[in-house]
Amino acid sequence: MSASKDQIRLRRKLSIRKRITGTEERPRLTVFRSSKHIYAQVIDDSKSVSLVAASTLTKELSKAGDDKTKREMAELVGATIAKACLARGITKVVFDRNGYIYHGRVRALADGARAAGLDF
């Protein structure tokens, strides 16, 4: 019996998570991508706490996204989460693509966060 796309992604995700952990000095920036929206959060794994979160469903981004593509919205989410991180004093993170291929919206989010000043 063959595995579904989601099962393959989850297997890839677990393999990545064995090597990547977020610390207090360098928390983990993780991405979740659905068919319509994209979510990002910065997590301190040592305390199991989410420090900052942003998605296309937040009020300011959902209003700005009426005429934008999903990829442009992903860049905005990356810039938003970077600004929130910088406001909290977080400058360096570890990027966790969550099993998704580093391509398209995931890459756009990472580029938007880097352009806004986050280091990873």
PDB file of N, CA and C in Angstrom:
ATOM      1  N   MET A   1       0.846  -1.173   0.000  1.00  0.00           N
ATOM      2  CA  MET A   1       0.000   0.000   0.000  1.00  0.00           C
ATOM      3  C   MET A   1       0.893   1.239   0.000  1.00  0.00           C
ATOM      4  N   SER A   2       0.632   2.148  -0.906  1.00  0.00           N
ATOM      5  CA  SER A   2       1.486   3.324  -1.006  1.00  0.00           C
ATOM      6  C   SER A   2       1.041   4.407  -0.023  1.00  0.00           C
ATOM      7  N   ALA A   3       1.985   5.217   0.373  1.00  0.00           N
ATOM      8  CA  ALA A   3       1.709   6.282   1.326  1.00  0.00           C
ATOM      9  C   ALA A   3       1.154   7.505   0.602  1.00  0.00           C
ATOM     10  N   SER A   4       0.299   8.239   1.293  1.00  0.00           N
ATOM     11  CA  SER A   4      -0.257   9.449   0.699  1.00  0.00           C
ATOM     12  C   SER A   4       0.771  10.577   0.763  1.00  0.00           C
ATOM     13  N   LYS A   5       0.485  11.668   0.067  1.00  0.00           N
ATOM     14  CA  LYS A   5       1.399  12.808   0.056  1.00  0.00           C
ATOM     15  C   LYS A   5       1.597  13.350   1.467  1.00  0.00           C
ATOM     16  N   ASP A   6       0.515  13.381   2.242  1.00  0.00           N
ATOM     17  CA  ASP A   6       0.605  13.911   3.600  1.00  0.00           C
ATOM     18  C   ASP A   6       1.469  13.015   4.489  1.00  0.00           C
ATOM     19  N   GLN A   7       1.356  11.696   4.331  1.00  0.00           N
ATOM     20  CA  GLN A   7       2.179  10.777   5.115  1.00  0.00           C
ATOM     21  C   GLN A   7       3.654  10.919   4.750  1.00  0.00           C
ATOM     22  N   ILE A   8       3.940  11.136   3.490  1.00  0.00           N
ATOM     23  CA  ILE A   8       5.318  11.322   3.049  1.00  0.00           C
ATOM     24  C   ILE A   8       5.879  12.615   3.629  1.00  0.00           C
ATOM     25  N   ARG A   9       5.063  13.687   3.618  1.00  0.00           N
ATOM     26  CA  ARG A   9       5.498  14.959   4.192  1.00  0.00           C
ATOM     27  C   ARG A   9       5.746  14.821   5.681  1.00  0.00           C
ATOM     28  N   LEU A  10       4.884  14.099   6.398  1.00  0.00           N
ATOM     29  CA  LEU A  10       5.061  13.924   7.834  1.00  0.00           C
ATOM     30  C   LEU A  10       6.329  13.136   8.146  1.00  0.00           C
ATOM     31  N   ARG A  11       6.652  12.143   7.318  1.00  0.00           N
ATOM     32  CA  ARG A  11       7.887  11.391   7.509  1.00  0.00           C
ATOM     33  C   ARG A  11       9.102  12.295   7.306  1.00  0.00           C
ATOM     34  N   ARG A  12       9.032  13.139   6.269  1.00  0.00           N
ATOM     35  CA  ARG A  12      10.099  14.101   6.007  1.00  0.00           C
ATOM     36  C   ARG A  12      10.208  15.107   7.153  1.00  0.00           C
ATOM     37  N   LYS A  13       9.071  15.535   7.679  1.00  0.00           N
ATOM     38  CA  LYS A  13       9.035  16.485   8.789  1.00  0.00           C
ATOM     39  C   LYS A  13       9.735  15.913  10.018  1.00  0.00           C
ATOM     40  N   LEU A  14       9.448  14.666  10.355  1.00  0.00           N
ATOM     41  CA  LEU A  14      10.067  14.038  11.518  1.00  0.00           C
ATOM     42  C   LEU A  14      11.573  13.895  11.340  1.00  0.00           C
ATOM     43  N   SER A  15      11.989  13.607  10.127  1.00  0.00           N
ATOM     44  CA  SER A  15      13.418  13.482   9.866  1.00  0.00           C
ATOM     45  C   SER A  15      14.128  14.825  10.037  1.00  0.00           C
ATOM     46  N   ILE A  16      13.448  15.906   9.653  1.00  0.00           N
ATOM     47  CA  ILE A  16      14.022  17.246   9.815  1.00  0.00           C
ATOM     48  C   ILE A  16      14.046  17.630  11.289  1.00  0.00           C
ATOM     49  N   ARG A  17      12.974  17.324  12.010  1.00  0.00           N
ATOM     50  CA  ARG A  17      12.853  17.727  13.414  1.00  0.00           C
ATOM     51  C   ARG A  17      13.833  17.008  14.327  1.00  0.00           C
ATOM     52  N   LYS A  18      14.401  15.890  13.868  1.00  0.00           N
ATOM     53  CA  LYS A  18      15.444  15.224  14.649  1.00  0.00           C
ATOM     54  C   LYS A  18      16.684  16.108  14.763  1.00  0.00           C
ATOM     55  N   ARG A  19      16.917  16.916  13.718  1.00  0.00           N
ATOM     56  CA  ARG A  19      18.125  17.730  13.670  1.00  0.00           C
ATOM     57  C   ARG A  19      17.906  19.182  14.082  1.00  0.00           C
ATOM     58  N   ILE A  20      16.680  19.685  13.968  1.00  0.00           N
ATOM     59  CA  ILE A  20      16.412  21.107  14.204  1.00  0.00           C
ATOM     60  C   ILE A  20      15.635  21.286  15.504  1.00  0.00           C
ATOM     61  N   THR A  21      16.180  22.102  16.404  1.00  0.00           N
ATOM     62  CA  THR A  21      15.449  22.486  17.606  1.00  0.00           C
ATOM     63  C   THR A  21      15.649  23.971  17.839  1.00  0.00           C
ATOM     64  N   GLY A  22      14.647  24.589  18.402  1.00  0.00           N
ATOM     65  CA  GLY A  22      14.732  26.005  18.707  1.00  0.00           C
ATOM     66  C   GLY A  22      15.192  26.206  20.138  1.00  0.00           C
ATOM     67  N   THR A  23      16.134  27.091  20.328  1.00  0.00           N
ATOM     68  CA  THR A  23      16.629  27.402  21.664  1.00  0.00           C
ATOM     69  C   THR A  23      16.209  28.824  22.026  1.00  0.00           C
ATOM     70  N   GLU A  24      16.548  29.237  23.231  1.00  0.00           N
ATOM     71  CA  GLU A  24      16.190  30.583  23.649  1.00  0.00           C
ATOM     72  C   GLU A  24      16.946  31.630  22.831  1.00  0.00           C
ATOM     73  N   GLU A  25      18.209  31.349  22.500  1.00  0.00           N
ATOM     74  CA  GLU A  25      19.011  32.284  21.718  1.00  0.00           C
ATOM     75  C   GLU A  25      18.608  32.273  20.242  1.00  0.00           C
ATOM     76  N   ARG A  26      18.222  31.091  19.752  1.00  0.00           N
ATOM     77  CA  ARG A  26      17.899  30.934  18.337  1.00  0.00           C
ATOM     78  C   ARG A  26      16.645  30.071  18.199  1.00  0.00           C
ATOM     79  N   PRO A  27      15.457  30.683  18.329  1.00  0.00           N
ATOM     80  CA  PRO A  27      14.220  29.904  18.244  1.00  0.00           C
ATOM     81  C   PRO A  27      13.949  29.406  16.825  1.00  0.00           C
ATOM     82  N   ARG A  28      12.967  28.536  16.720  1.00  0.00           N
ATOM     83  CA  ARG A  28      12.646  27.874  15.447  1.00  0.00           C
ATOM     84  C   ARG A  28      11.482  28.589  14.765  1.00  0.00           C
ATOM     85  N   LEU A  29      11.684  28.992  13.516  1.00  0.00           N
ATOM     86  CA  LEU A  29      10.624  29.579  12.695  1.00  0.00           C
ATOM     87  C   LEU A  29      10.026  28.467  11.857  1.00  0.00           C
ATOM     88  N   THR A  30       8.784  28.097  12.159  1.00  0.00           N
ATOM     89  CA  THR A  30       8.147  26.989  11.460  1.00  0.00           C
ATOM     90  C   THR A  30       7.011  27.500  10.582  1.00  0.00           C
ATOM     91  N   VAL A  31       6.764  26.788   9.500  1.00  0.00           N
ATOM     92  CA  VAL A  31       5.786  27.190   8.496  1.00  0.00           C
ATOM     93  C   VAL A  31       4.750  26.088   8.337  1.00  0.00           C
ATOM     94  N   PHE A  32       3.471  26.481   8.254  1.00  0.00           N
ATOM     95  CA  PHE A  32       2.428  25.542   7.868  1.00  0.00           C
ATOM     96  C   PHE A  32       1.708  26.132   6.674  1.00  0.00           C
ATOM     97  N   ARG A  33       1.501  25.305   5.671  1.00  0.00           N
ATOM     98  CA  ARG A  33       0.910  25.767   4.423  1.00  0.00           C
ATOM     99  C   ARG A  33      -0.343  24.951   4.151  1.00  0.00           C
ATOM    100  N   SER A  34      -1.486  25.621   4.039  1.00  0.00           N
ATOM    101  CA  SER A  34      -2.705  24.940   3.620  1.00  0.00           C
ATOM    102  C   SER A  34      -2.993  25.339   2.185  1.00  0.00           C
ATOM    103  N   SER A  35      -4.098  24.895   1.652  1.00  0.00           N
ATOM    104  CA  SER A  35      -4.378  25.213   0.257  1.00  0.00           C
ATOM    105  C   SER A  35      -4.693  26.691   0.055  1.00  0.00           C
ATOM    106  N   LYS A  36      -5.251  27.360   1.081  1.00  0.00           N
ATOM    107  CA  LYS A  36      -5.614  28.770   0.936  1.00  0.00           C
ATOM    108  C   LYS A  36      -4.729  29.718   1.730  1.00  0.00           C
ATOM    109  N   HIS A  37      -4.200  29.293   2.865  1.00  0.00           N
ATOM    110  CA  HIS A  37      -3.510  30.189   3.781  1.00  0.00           C
ATOM    111  C   HIS A  37      -2.115  29.674   4.111  1.00  0.00           C
ATOM    112  N   ILE A  38      -1.322  30.549   4.722  1.00  0.00           N
ATOM    113  CA  ILE A  38       0.006  30.167   5.199  1.00  0.00           C
ATOM    114  C   ILE A  38       0.178  30.731   6.600  1.00  0.00           C
ATOM    115  N   TYR A  39       0.774  29.940   7.463  1.00  0.00           N
ATOM    116  CA  TYR A  39       0.938  30.292   8.863  1.00  0.00           C
ATOM    117  C   TYR A  39       2.424  30.170   9.213  1.00  0.00           C
ATOM    118  N   ALA A  40       2.887  31.043  10.104  1.00  0.00           N
ATOM    119  CA  ALA A  40       4.270  30.958  10.568  1.00  0.00           C
ATOM    120  C   ALA A  40       4.288  31.271  12.051  1.00  0.00           C
ATOM    121  N   GLN A  41       5.132  30.579  12.782  1.00  0.00           N
ATOM    122  CA  GLN A  41       5.303  30.899  14.193  1.00  0.00           C
ATOM    123  C   GLN A  41       6.736  30.633  14.619  1.00  0.00           C
ATOM    124  N   VAL A  42       7.152  31.377  15.630  1.00  0.00           N
ATOM    125  CA  VAL A  42       8.498  31.245  16.175  1.00  0.00           C
ATOM    126  C   VAL A  42       8.359  30.561  17.526  1.00  0.00           C
ATOM    127  N   ILE A  43       9.074  29.441  17.700  1.00  0.00           N
ATOM    128  CA  ILE A  43       8.889  28.576  18.864  1.00  0.00           C
ATOM    129  C   ILE A  43      10.211  28.392  19.599  1.00  0.00           C
ATOM    130  N   ASP A  44      10.150  28.492  20.926  1.00  0.00           N
ATOM    131  CA  ASP A  44      11.275  28.137  21.788  1.00  0.00           C
ATOM    132  C   ASP A  44      11.009  26.716  22.279  1.00  0.00           C
ATOM    133  N   ASP A  45      11.719  25.737  21.717  1.00  0.00           N
ATOM    134  CA  ASP A  45      11.473  24.335  22.042  1.00  0.00           C
ATOM    135  C   ASP A  45      11.943  23.963  23.444  1.00  0.00           C
ATOM    136  N   SER A  46      12.896  24.696  23.999  1.00  0.00           N
ATOM    137  CA  SER A  46      13.363  24.361  25.345  1.00  0.00           C
ATOM    138  C   SER A  46      12.280  24.627  26.387  1.00  0.00           C
ATOM    139  N   LYS A  47      11.418  25.623  26.135  1.00  0.00           N
ATOM    140  CA  LYS A  47      10.309  25.929  27.045  1.00  0.00           C
ATOM    141  C   LYS A  47       8.959  25.490  26.482  1.00  0.00           C
ATOM    142  N   SER A  48       8.940  25.008  25.255  1.00  0.00           N
ATOM    143  CA  SER A  48       7.713  24.628  24.553  1.00  0.00           C
ATOM    144  C   SER A  48       6.720  25.784  24.510  1.00  0.00           C
ATOM    145  N   VAL A  49       7.207  26.949  24.055  1.00  0.00           N
ATOM    146  CA  VAL A  49       6.391  28.156  24.028  1.00  0.00           C
ATOM    147  C   VAL A  49       6.460  28.776  22.637  1.00  0.00           C
ATOM    148  N   SER A  50       5.299  29.185  22.147  1.00  0.00           N
ATOM    149  CA  SER A  50       5.253  29.934  20.899  1.00  0.00           C
ATOM    150  C   SER A  50       5.463  31.408  21.222  1.00  0.00           C
ATOM    151  N   LEU A  51       6.487  32.013  20.638  1.00  0.00           N
ATOM    152  CA  LEU A  51       6.847  33.388  20.960  1.00  0.00           C
ATOM    153  C   LEU A  51       6.116  34.397  20.087  1.00  0.00           C
ATOM    154  N   VAL A  52       6.055  34.141  18.787  1.00  0.00           N
ATOM    155  CA  VAL A  52       5.444  35.050  17.829  1.00  0.00           C
ATOM    156  C   VAL A  52       4.719  34.216  16.784  1.00  0.00           C
ATOM    157  N   ALA A  53       3.571  34.716  16.303  1.00  0.00           N
ATOM    158  CA  ALA A  53       2.843  34.013  15.253  1.00  0.00           C
ATOM    159  C   ALA A  53       2.269  35.017  14.265  1.00  0.00           C
ATOM    160  N   ALA A  54       2.140  34.593  13.018  1.00  0.00           N
ATOM    161  CA  ALA A  54       1.526  35.417  11.972  1.00  0.00           C
ATOM    162  C   ALA A  54       0.932  34.489  10.922  1.00  0.00           C
ATOM    163  N   SER A  55      -0.126  34.944  10.290  1.00  0.00           N
ATOM    164  CA  SER A  55      -0.723  34.163   9.212  1.00  0.00           C
ATOM    165  C   SER A  55      -1.497  35.088   8.292  1.00  0.00           C
ATOM    166  N   THR A  56      -1.998  34.529   7.211  1.00  0.00           N
ATOM    167  CA  THR A  56      -2.794  35.311   6.280  1.00  0.00           C
ATOM    168  C   THR A  56      -4.180  35.589   6.844  1.00  0.00           C
ATOM    169  N   LEU A  57      -4.523  35.002   7.962  1.00  0.00           N
ATOM    170  CA  LEU A  57      -5.832  35.214   8.567  1.00  0.00           C
ATOM    171  C   LEU A  57      -5.863  36.379   9.550  1.00  0.00           C
ATOM    172  N   THR A  58      -4.707  36.963   9.885  1.00  0.00           N
ATOM    173  CA  THR A  58      -4.710  38.104  10.790  1.00  0.00           C
ATOM    174  C   THR A  58      -5.398  39.287  10.109  1.00  0.00           C
ATOM    175  N   LYS A  59      -5.956  40.175  10.916  1.00  0.00           N
ATOM    176  CA  LYS A  59      -6.793  41.253  10.373  1.00  0.00           C
ATOM    177  C   LYS A  59      -6.068  42.131   9.367  1.00  0.00           C
ATOM    178  N   GLU A  60      -4.857  42.588   9.732  1.00  0.00           N
ATOM    179  CA  GLU A  60      -4.159  43.504   8.834  1.00  0.00           C
ATOM    180  C   GLU A  60      -3.737  42.832   7.527  1.00  0.00           C
ATOM    181  N   LEU A  61      -3.402  41.553   7.579  1.00  0.00           N
ATOM    182  CA  LEU A  61      -2.980  40.873   6.352  1.00  0.00           C
ATOM    183  C   LEU A  61      -4.155  40.426   5.503  1.00  0.00           C
ATOM    184  N   SER A  62      -5.265  40.065   6.123  1.00  0.00           N
ATOM    185  CA  SER A  62      -6.414  39.626   5.332  1.00  0.00           C
ATOM    186  C   SER A  62      -7.007  40.800   4.557  1.00  0.00           C
ATOM    187  N   LYS A  63      -6.934  42.015   5.128  1.00  0.00           N
ATOM    188  CA  LYS A  63      -7.411  43.201   4.399  1.00  0.00           C
ATOM    189  C   LYS A  63      -6.472  43.547   3.254  1.00  0.00           C
ATOM    190  N   ALA A  64      -5.172  43.379   3.466  1.00  0.00           N
ATOM    191  CA  ALA A  64      -4.191  43.720   2.438  1.00  0.00           C
ATOM    192  C   ALA A  64      -4.148  42.686   1.317  1.00  0.00           C
ATOM    193  N   GLY A  65      -4.679  41.510   1.550  1.00  0.00           N
ATOM    194  CA  GLY A  65      -4.523  40.425   0.598  1.00  0.00           C
ATOM    195  C   GLY A  65      -5.638  40.232  -0.388  1.00  0.00           C
ATOM    196  N   ASP A  66      -6.531  41.184  -0.519  1.00  0.00           N
ATOM    197  CA  ASP A  66      -7.652  40.991  -1.435  1.00  0.00           C
ATOM    198  C   ASP A  66      -7.219  40.883  -2.892  1.00  0.00           C
ATOM    199  N   ASP A  67      -6.192  41.639  -3.273  1.00  0.00           N
ATOM    200  CA  ASP A  67      -5.776  41.646  -4.671  1.00  0.00           C
ATOM    201  C   ASP A  67      -4.402  41.035  -4.888  1.00  0.00           C
ATOM    202  N   LYS A  68      -3.893  40.311  -3.901  1.00  0.00           N
ATOM    203  CA  LYS A  68      -2.550  39.731  -4.005  1.00  0.00           C
ATOM    204  C   LYS A  68      -2.631  38.219  -4.227  1.00  0.00           C
ATOM    205  N   THR A  69      -1.562  37.677  -4.798  1.00  0.00           N
ATOM    206  CA  THR A  69      -1.490  36.230  -4.982  1.00  0.00           C
ATOM    207  C   THR A  69      -1.067  35.570  -3.678  1.00  0.00           C
ATOM    208  N   LYS A  70      -1.163  34.249  -3.627  1.00  0.00           N
ATOM    209  CA  LYS A  70      -0.771  33.519  -2.417  1.00  0.00           C
ATOM    210  C   LYS A  70       0.711  33.684  -2.128  1.00  0.00           C
ATOM    211  N   ARG A  71       1.503  33.766  -3.169  1.00  0.00           N
ATOM    212  CA  ARG A  71       2.948  33.929  -2.980  1.00  0.00           C
ATOM    213  C   ARG A  71       3.283  35.309  -2.418  1.00  0.00           C
ATOM    214  N   GLU A  72       2.617  36.331  -2.905  1.00  0.00           N
ATOM    215  CA  GLU A  72       2.821  37.681  -2.368  1.00  0.00           C
ATOM    216  C   GLU A  72       2.361  37.768  -0.921  1.00  0.00           C
ATOM    217  N   MET A  73       1.289  37.064  -0.606  1.00  0.00           N
ATOM    218  CA  MET A  73       0.807  37.042   0.774  1.00  0.00           C
ATOM    219  C   MET A  73       1.804  36.333   1.681  1.00  0.00           C
ATOM    220  N   ALA A  74       2.461  35.295   1.170  1.00  0.00           N
ATOM    221  CA  ALA A  74       3.470  34.592   1.956  1.00  0.00           C
ATOM    222  C   ALA A  74       4.639  35.521   2.273  1.00  0.00           C
ATOM    223  N   GLU A  75       5.031  36.361   1.320  1.00  0.00           N
ATOM    224  CA  GLU A  75       6.095  37.332   1.577  1.00  0.00           C
ATOM    225  C   GLU A  75       5.677  38.313   2.665  1.00  0.00           C
ATOM    226  N   LEU A  76       4.416  38.745   2.621  1.00  0.00           N
ATOM    227  CA  LEU A  76       3.913  39.659   3.652  1.00  0.00           C
ATOM    228  C   LEU A  76       3.910  39.004   5.034  1.00  0.00           C
ATOM    229  N   VAL A  77       3.540  37.733   5.092  1.00  0.00           N
ATOM    230  CA  VAL A  77       3.556  37.013   6.367  1.00  0.00           C
ATOM    231  C   VAL A  77       4.988  36.922   6.890  1.00  0.00           C
ATOM    232  N   GLY A  78       5.941  36.652   6.018  1.00  0.00           N
ATOM    233  CA  GLY A  78       7.345  36.600   6.417  1.00  0.00           C
ATOM    234  C   GLY A  78       7.830  37.930   6.956  1.00  0.00           C
ATOM    235  N   ALA A  79       7.464  39.020   6.279  1.00  0.00           N
ATOM    236  CA  ALA A  79       7.864  40.346   6.741  1.00  0.00           C
ATOM    237  C   ALA A  79       7.198  40.682   8.079  1.00  0.00           C
ATOM    238  N   THR A  80       5.940  40.301   8.228  1.00  0.00           N
ATOM    239  CA  THR A  80       5.210  40.571   9.478  1.00  0.00           C
ATOM    240  C   THR A  80       5.826  39.830  10.652  1.00  0.00           C
ATOM    241  N   ILE A  81       6.149  38.561  10.450  1.00  0.00           N
ATOM    242  CA  ILE A  81       6.719  37.796  11.559  1.00  0.00           C
ATOM    243  C   ILE A  81       8.127  38.285  11.882  1.00  0.00           C
ATOM    244  N   ALA A  82       8.856  38.739  10.877  1.00  0.00           N
ATOM    245  CA  ALA A  82      10.200  39.285  11.133  1.00  0.00           C
ATOM    246  C   ALA A  82      10.115  40.567  11.957  1.00  0.00           C
ATOM    247  N   LYS A  83       9.168  41.440  11.633  1.00  0.00           N
ATOM    248  CA  LYS A  83       9.000  42.680  12.393  1.00  0.00           C
ATOM    249  C   LYS A  83       8.608  42.383  13.831  1.00  0.00           C
ATOM    250  N   ALA A  84       7.728  41.398  14.023  1.00  0.00           N
ATOM    251  CA  ALA A  84       7.308  41.031  15.382  1.00  0.00           C
ATOM    252  C   ALA A  84       8.479  40.437  16.167  1.00  0.00           C
ATOM    253  N   CYS A  85       9.312  39.652  15.492  1.00  0.00           N
ATOM    254  CA  CYS A  85      10.492  39.074  16.147  1.00  0.00           C
ATOM    255  C   CYS A  85      11.479  40.161  16.538  1.00  0.00           C
ATOM    256  N   LEU A  86      11.736  41.075  15.627  1.00  0.00           N
ATOM    257  CA  LEU A  86      12.676  42.148  15.921  1.00  0.00           C
ATOM    258  C   LEU A  86      12.168  43.024  17.062  1.00  0.00           C
ATOM    259  N   ALA A  87      10.850  43.209  17.158  1.00  0.00           N
ATOM    260  CA  ALA A  87      10.280  43.983  18.263  1.00  0.00           C
ATOM    261  C   ALA A  87      10.490  43.282  19.600  1.00  0.00           C
ATOM    262  N   ARG A  88      10.550  41.950  19.587  1.00  0.00           N
ATOM    263  CA  ARG A  88      10.784  41.180  20.811  1.00  0.00           C
ATOM    264  C   ARG A  88      12.261  40.910  21.058  1.00  0.00           C
ATOM    265  N   GLY A  89      13.124  41.401  20.198  1.00  0.00           N
ATOM    266  CA  GLY A  89      14.560  41.232  20.387  1.00  0.00           C
ATOM    267  C   GLY A  89      15.120  39.954  19.805  1.00  0.00           C
ATOM    268  N   ILE A  90      14.381  39.295  18.953  1.00  0.00           N
ATOM    269  CA  ILE A  90      14.839  38.058  18.308  1.00  0.00           C
ATOM    270  C   ILE A  90      15.390  38.435  16.934  1.00  0.00           C
ATOM    271  N   THR A  91      16.673  38.168  16.715  1.00  0.00           N
ATOM    272  CA  THR A  91      17.273  38.509  15.425  1.00  0.00           C
ATOM    273  C   THR A  91      17.684  37.275  14.634  1.00  0.00           C
ATOM    274  N   LYS A  92      17.964  36.167  15.325  1.00  0.00           N
ATOM    275  CA  LYS A  92      18.391  34.944  14.652  1.00  0.00           C
ATOM    276  C   LYS A  92      17.402  33.824  14.945  1.00  0.00           C
ATOM    277  N   VAL A  93      17.062  33.076  13.909  1.00  0.00           N
ATOM    278  CA  VAL A  93      16.157  31.935  14.052  1.00  0.00           C
ATOM    279  C   VAL A  93      16.695  30.759  13.250  1.00  0.00           C
ATOM    280  N   VAL A  94      16.115  29.592  13.494  1.00  0.00           N
ATOM    281  CA  VAL A  94      16.373  28.395  12.706  1.00  0.00           C
ATOM    282  C   VAL A  94      15.122  28.152  11.878  1.00  0.00           C
ATOM    283  N   PHE A  95      15.253  28.005  10.573  1.00  0.00           N
ATOM    284  CA  PHE A  95      14.093  27.853   9.696  1.00  0.00           C
ATOM    285  C   PHE A  95      13.694  26.387   9.606  1.00  0.00           C
ATOM    286  N   ASP A  96      12.433  26.106   9.916  1.00  0.00           N
ATOM    287  CA  ASP A  96      11.869  24.761   9.830  1.00  0.00           C
ATOM    288  C   ASP A  96      10.795  24.788   8.748  1.00  0.00           C
ATOM    289  N   ARG A  97      11.091  24.159   7.615  1.00  0.00           N
ATOM    290  CA  ARG A  97      10.142  24.181   6.511  1.00  0.00           C
ATOM    291  C   ARG A  97       9.012  23.181   6.703  1.00  0.00           C
ATOM    292  N   ASN A  98       9.065  22.415   7.787  1.00  0.00           N
ATOM    293  CA  ASN A  98       7.966  21.541   8.207  1.00  0.00           C
ATOM    294  C   ASN A  98       7.663  20.436   7.198  1.00  0.00           C
ATOM    295  N   GLY A  99       8.682  19.974   6.484  1.00  0.00           N
ATOM    296  CA  GLY A  99       8.495  18.881   5.543  1.00  0.00           C
ATOM    297  C   GLY A  99       8.108  19.327   4.147  1.00  0.00           C
ATOM    298  N   TYR A 100       7.817  20.608   3.971  1.00  0.00           N
ATOM    299  CA  TYR A 100       7.473  21.119   2.649  1.00  0.00           C
ATOM    300  C   TYR A 100       8.748  21.367   1.854  1.00  0.00           C
ATOM    301  N   ILE A 101       8.639  21.300   0.542  1.00  0.00           N
ATOM    302  CA  ILE A 101       9.768  21.579  -0.319  1.00  0.00           C
ATOM    303  C   ILE A 101      10.050  23.078  -0.270  1.00  0.00           C
ATOM    304  N   TYR A 102      11.319  23.467  -0.216  1.00  0.00           N
ATOM    305  CA  TYR A 102      11.710  24.877  -0.160  1.00  0.00           C
ATOM    306  C   TYR A 102      11.516  25.464  -1.545  1.00  0.00           C
ATOM    307  N   HIS A 103      10.275  25.871  -1.828  1.00  0.00           N
ATOM    308  CA  HIS A 103       9.888  26.272  -3.173  1.00  0.00           C
ATOM    309  C   HIS A 103       8.575  27.019  -3.052  1.00  0.00           C
ATOM    310  N   GLY A 104       8.322  27.956  -3.918  1.00  0.00           N
ATOM    311  CA  GLY A 104       7.036  28.629  -3.957  1.00  0.00           C
ATOM    312  C   GLY A 104       6.745  29.472  -2.732  1.00  0.00           C
ATOM    313  N   ARG A 105       5.620  29.182  -2.066  1.00  0.00           N
ATOM    314  CA  ARG A 105       5.183  29.998  -0.937  1.00  0.00           C
ATOM    315  C   ARG A 105       6.091  29.873   0.273  1.00  0.00           C
ATOM    316  N   VAL A 106       6.671  28.702   0.499  1.00  0.00           N
ATOM    317  CA  VAL A 106       7.573  28.521   1.638  1.00  0.00           C
ATOM    318  C   VAL A 106       8.831  29.362   1.428  1.00  0.00           C
ATOM    319  N   ARG A 107       9.348  29.342   0.237  1.00  0.00           N
ATOM    320  CA  ARG A 107      10.525  30.152  -0.076  1.00  0.00           C
ATOM    321  C   ARG A 107      10.200  31.638  -0.023  1.00  0.00           C
ATOM    322  N   ALA A 108       9.019  32.033  -0.489  1.00  0.00           N
ATOM    323  CA  ALA A 108       8.613  33.437  -0.458  1.00  0.00           C
ATOM    324  C   ALA A 108       8.511  33.936   0.976  1.00  0.00           C
ATOM    325  N   LEU A 109       7.995  33.107   1.872  1.00  0.00           N
ATOM    326  CA  LEU A 109       7.915  33.492   3.282  1.00  0.00           C
ATOM    327  C   LEU A 109       9.310  33.682   3.857  1.00  0.00           C
ATOM    328  N   ALA A 110      10.208  32.773   3.552  1.00  0.00           N
ATOM    329  CA  ALA A 110      11.585  32.877   4.048  1.00  0.00           C
ATOM    330  C   ALA A 110      12.276  34.121   3.492  1.00  0.00           C
ATOM    331  N   ASP A 111      12.077  34.400   2.209  1.00  0.00           N
ATOM    332  CA  ASP A 111      12.686  35.586   1.602  1.00  0.00           C
ATOM    333  C   ASP A 111      12.126  36.871   2.199  1.00  0.00           C
ATOM    334  N   GLY A 112      10.821  36.883   2.480  1.00  0.00           N
ATOM    335  CA  GLY A 112      10.203  38.054   3.089  1.00  0.00           C
ATOM    336  C   GLY A 112      10.734  38.302   4.493  1.00  0.00           C
ATOM    337  N   ALA A 113      10.948  37.230   5.246  1.00  0.00           N
ATOM    338  CA  ALA A 113      11.493  37.363   6.594  1.00  0.00           C
ATOM    339  C   ALA A 113      12.956  37.831   6.562  1.00  0.00           C
ATOM    340  N   ARG A 114      13.727  37.304   5.619  1.00  0.00           N
ATOM    341  CA  ARG A 114      15.124  37.742   5.491  1.00  0.00           C
ATOM    342  C   ARG A 114      15.207  39.211   5.073  1.00  0.00           C
ATOM    343  N   ALA A 115      14.346  39.611   4.147  1.00  0.00           N
ATOM    344  CA  ALA A 115      14.355  40.994   3.674  1.00  0.00           C
ATOM    345  C   ALA A 115      13.981  41.969   4.781  1.00  0.00           C
ATOM    346  N   ALA A 116      13.167  41.521   5.720  1.00  0.00           N
ATOM    347  CA  ALA A 116      12.731  42.393   6.823  1.00  0.00           C
ATOM    348  C   ALA A 116      13.740  42.403   7.972  1.00  0.00           C
ATOM    349  N   GLY A 117      14.806  41.609   7.873  1.00  0.00           N
ATOM    350  CA  GLY A 117      15.883  41.709   8.864  1.00  0.00           C
ATOM    351  C   GLY A 117      16.136  40.496   9.729  1.00  0.00           C
ATOM    352  N   LEU A 118      15.427  39.400   9.503  1.00  0.00           N
ATOM    353  CA  LEU A 118      15.660  38.188  10.281  1.00  0.00           C
ATOM    354  C   LEU A 118      16.852  37.437   9.702  1.00  0.00           C
ATOM    355  N   ASP A 119      17.667  36.849  10.565  1.00  0.00           N
ATOM    356  CA  ASP A 119      18.885  36.168  10.124  1.00  0.00           C
ATOM    357  C   ASP A 119      18.727  34.661  10.284  1.00  0.00           C
ATOM    358  N   PHE A 120      18.776  33.925   9.172  1.00  0.00           N
ATOM    359  CA  PHE A 120      18.812  32.463   9.197  1.00  0.00           C
ATOM    360  C   PHE A 120      19.359  31.923   7.906  1.00  0.00           C
TER     361      PHE A 120
END
